[in-house]
Protein backbone atom coordinates (compact mmCIF):
# COMPACT_ATOMS: atom_id res chain seq x y z
CA MET A 1 216.39 -152.72 -146.65
CA VAL A 2 214.51 -152.98 -143.52
CA LYS A 3 215.09 -156.94 -142.15
CA THR A 4 216.37 -159.17 -144.64
CA GLY A 5 217.22 -158.92 -148.66
CA THR A 6 218.96 -160.35 -151.49
CA ILE A 7 221.33 -158.05 -153.68
CA GLY A 8 221.41 -159.04 -157.55
CA SER A 9 222.31 -157.93 -160.84
CA ILE A 10 220.87 -158.28 -164.28
CA GLU A 11 223.61 -160.12 -165.48
CA HIS A 12 222.96 -162.91 -163.53
CA PRO A 13 219.42 -163.99 -164.04
CA GLU A 14 219.76 -167.23 -162.17
CA ALA A 15 220.06 -165.33 -158.73
CA HIS A 16 217.02 -166.43 -156.79
CA PRO A 17 215.75 -163.96 -153.88
CA ILE A 18 216.46 -165.12 -150.16
CA ARG A 19 212.90 -165.41 -148.21
CA SER A 20 212.30 -163.97 -144.82
CA MET A 21 212.30 -166.59 -142.30
CA LYS A 22 208.76 -167.44 -140.92
CA TYR A 23 209.54 -167.77 -136.83
CA SER A 24 207.20 -169.74 -134.45
CA VAL A 25 207.80 -167.26 -131.53
CA SER A 26 206.54 -163.64 -131.58
CA PRO A 27 207.77 -160.51 -129.83
CA VAL A 28 205.63 -160.59 -126.34
CA VAL A 29 207.65 -158.59 -124.01
CA ARG A 30 207.87 -154.97 -124.31
CA VAL A 31 209.58 -152.21 -122.88
CA ALA A 32 209.25 -148.59 -123.26
CA VAL A 33 212.71 -146.80 -123.46
CA LYS A 34 213.69 -142.91 -123.51
CA PRO A 35 216.91 -141.02 -123.26
CA LYS A 36 217.91 -139.86 -120.19
CA ASN A 37 218.47 -136.29 -121.85
CA PRO A 38 215.68 -135.34 -123.67
CA GLY A 39 218.08 -133.53 -126.09
CA ASP A 40 219.19 -136.96 -127.12
CA LEU A 41 215.67 -138.36 -128.18
CA PRO A 42 217.06 -138.35 -132.22
CA LYS A 43 219.94 -140.52 -131.11
CA VAL A 44 217.64 -142.92 -129.69
CA VAL A 45 214.96 -143.10 -132.53
CA GLU A 46 217.78 -143.42 -135.03
CA GLY A 47 219.48 -146.23 -132.67
CA LEU A 48 215.99 -148.05 -132.80
CA LYS A 49 215.86 -148.07 -136.34
CA LYS A 50 219.13 -149.58 -136.35
CA LEU A 51 218.33 -152.26 -133.97
CA ALA A 52 215.32 -153.24 -135.73
CA LYS A 53 217.36 -153.87 -139.05
CA SER A 54 220.01 -155.61 -136.89
CA ASP A 55 217.61 -158.47 -135.55
CA PRO A 56 214.79 -160.01 -137.39
CA LEU A 57 212.81 -160.95 -134.17
CA VAL A 58 212.75 -157.32 -132.51
CA VAL A 59 210.08 -155.03 -133.11
CA CYS A 60 210.65 -151.26 -132.46
CA SER A 61 207.41 -148.99 -132.63
CA PHE A 62 206.88 -145.38 -132.08
CA GLU A 63 203.33 -144.99 -129.99
CA GLU A 64 201.33 -142.39 -130.78
CA THR A 65 201.57 -141.50 -127.03
CA GLY A 66 205.26 -140.77 -128.01
CA GLU A 67 206.62 -143.79 -125.95
CA ASN A 68 209.40 -145.68 -127.94
CA VAL A 69 208.74 -149.41 -127.40
CA ILE A 70 211.10 -152.55 -127.94
CA ALA A 71 209.19 -155.98 -128.14
CA GLY A 72 211.05 -158.87 -127.96
CA CYS A 73 210.73 -162.74 -127.78
CA GLY A 74 211.70 -162.91 -124.02
CA GLU A 75 212.98 -161.08 -121.10
CA LEU A 76 216.21 -162.10 -121.80
CA HIS A 77 216.35 -160.98 -125.76
CA VAL A 78 214.72 -157.57 -124.56
CA GLU A 79 217.85 -156.94 -122.25
CA ILE A 80 220.46 -157.79 -125.05
CA CYS A 81 218.37 -155.41 -127.05
CA LEU A 82 218.42 -152.69 -124.76
CA ASN A 83 222.46 -153.38 -124.24
CA ASP A 84 222.92 -153.02 -127.90
CA LEU A 85 220.59 -149.78 -128.04
CA GLU A 86 222.48 -148.07 -124.99
CA ASN A 87 225.84 -149.11 -125.65
CA ASP A 88 226.22 -149.73 -129.90
CA PHE A 89 223.29 -148.04 -132.05
CA ALA A 90 222.36 -145.10 -129.79
CA GLN A 91 225.29 -144.59 -127.90
CA VAL A 92 223.63 -142.54 -125.07
CA PRO A 93 222.08 -143.61 -121.87
CA ILE A 94 218.29 -144.55 -121.43
CA ILE A 95 215.89 -145.02 -119.20
CA LYS A 96 213.78 -148.57 -119.61
CA SER A 97 210.31 -149.15 -118.24
CA ASP A 98 209.32 -152.65 -116.47
CA PRO A 99 209.04 -155.19 -119.01
CA VAL A 100 205.33 -155.87 -119.82
CA VAL A 101 204.07 -159.15 -121.19
CA THR A 102 201.53 -159.24 -123.96
CA TYR A 103 198.90 -161.77 -122.85
CA LYS A 104 196.65 -163.60 -125.33
CA GLU A 105 193.99 -165.67 -124.81
CA CYS A 106 192.07 -168.53 -127.11
CA MET A 107 188.33 -169.57 -127.25
CA THR A 108 187.50 -172.87 -128.48
CA ALA A 109 183.69 -172.73 -127.91
CA GLU A 110 180.96 -170.18 -128.09
CA SER A 111 180.47 -168.48 -124.21
CA SER A 112 177.35 -169.84 -122.58
CA GLN A 113 176.36 -166.58 -120.92
CA SER A 114 175.69 -163.17 -122.30
CA ALA A 115 177.41 -160.38 -120.91
CA MET A 116 175.68 -156.76 -120.15
CA ALA A 117 177.12 -153.44 -120.14
CA LYS A 118 175.46 -150.25 -119.18
CA SER A 119 176.46 -147.07 -120.38
CA GLN A 120 177.44 -144.03 -117.84
CA ASN A 121 174.14 -142.74 -117.63
CA LYS A 122 172.43 -145.87 -117.54
CA HIS A 123 170.07 -145.18 -120.18
CA ASN A 124 172.12 -147.83 -123.01
CA ARG A 125 172.66 -151.41 -122.42
CA LEU A 126 175.05 -153.33 -124.49
CA THR A 127 174.54 -157.46 -124.57
CA GLY A 128 176.94 -159.76 -126.57
CA THR A 129 178.40 -163.25 -126.21
CA ALA A 130 181.80 -164.48 -127.16
CA GLY A 131 183.06 -166.76 -129.61
CA PRO A 132 185.95 -168.20 -131.32
CA LEU A 133 187.36 -166.38 -134.60
CA HIS A 134 187.18 -167.93 -137.97
CA GLU A 135 190.01 -170.06 -138.28
CA ASP A 136 191.24 -168.02 -141.11
CA LEU A 137 190.94 -164.82 -139.32
CA PRO A 138 193.75 -164.75 -136.93
CA GLU A 139 196.26 -165.44 -139.68
CA LEU A 140 195.18 -162.57 -141.86
CA ILE A 141 195.32 -160.11 -138.60
CA GLU A 142 199.20 -161.46 -138.15
CA ASN A 143 199.97 -160.90 -141.96
CA GLY A 144 198.41 -157.39 -141.86
CA GLU A 145 195.59 -157.83 -144.29
CA ILE A 146 193.13 -157.06 -142.00
CA ASP A 147 194.09 -154.02 -139.64
CA ALA A 148 192.35 -151.65 -137.20
CA SER A 149 194.06 -149.00 -139.41
CA GLN A 150 192.19 -149.75 -141.97
CA ASP A 151 189.28 -147.84 -143.20
CA ILE A 152 185.99 -149.33 -140.98
CA LYS A 153 183.52 -149.69 -143.75
CA THR A 154 185.84 -151.52 -145.89
CA ARG A 155 187.30 -153.64 -143.10
CA GLY A 156 183.68 -154.20 -141.79
CA LYS A 157 182.12 -155.49 -144.83
CA ARG A 158 184.83 -158.14 -145.53
CA LEU A 159 184.21 -159.24 -141.97
CA VAL A 160 180.68 -159.16 -142.82
CA GLU A 161 181.25 -160.85 -146.04
CA GLU A 162 184.15 -163.74 -145.62
CA PHE A 163 183.56 -164.37 -141.52
CA GLY A 164 179.65 -164.16 -141.05
CA TRP A 165 179.88 -161.37 -138.40
């Protein structure tokens, strides 16, 4: 089990699964971590997995760049997670980056001006305007139903058919 679960048995069919809690906050403060001694990397990775299981709000990710990232709901939450990682789960000294806050914006109306960008060789121009997303699309993205890692043609077809892109 990763975050939550319910243990039951066949003998008790009246057992009901406990649903995962929905939180109104999302992990916006991110900190990259690495061990002081590079040989301790497996311990840190294992500690991050244990930390992710122990806290339902923390998100531990392993980036393609090789960074191990802890994301929490605030600076204090991330500090507590880092302390737990270093002292309890990995039990090795770690190096922490400065906290980075994810910034998200919201649009309520279509932009009144179009933006233009030129290619590096100045032969191509790309113009466009910005507008708010369809009201159902952010929820599908948050749930992972629409994701950047999906097949680009499948994702594009769905965005065109369902959301008029």
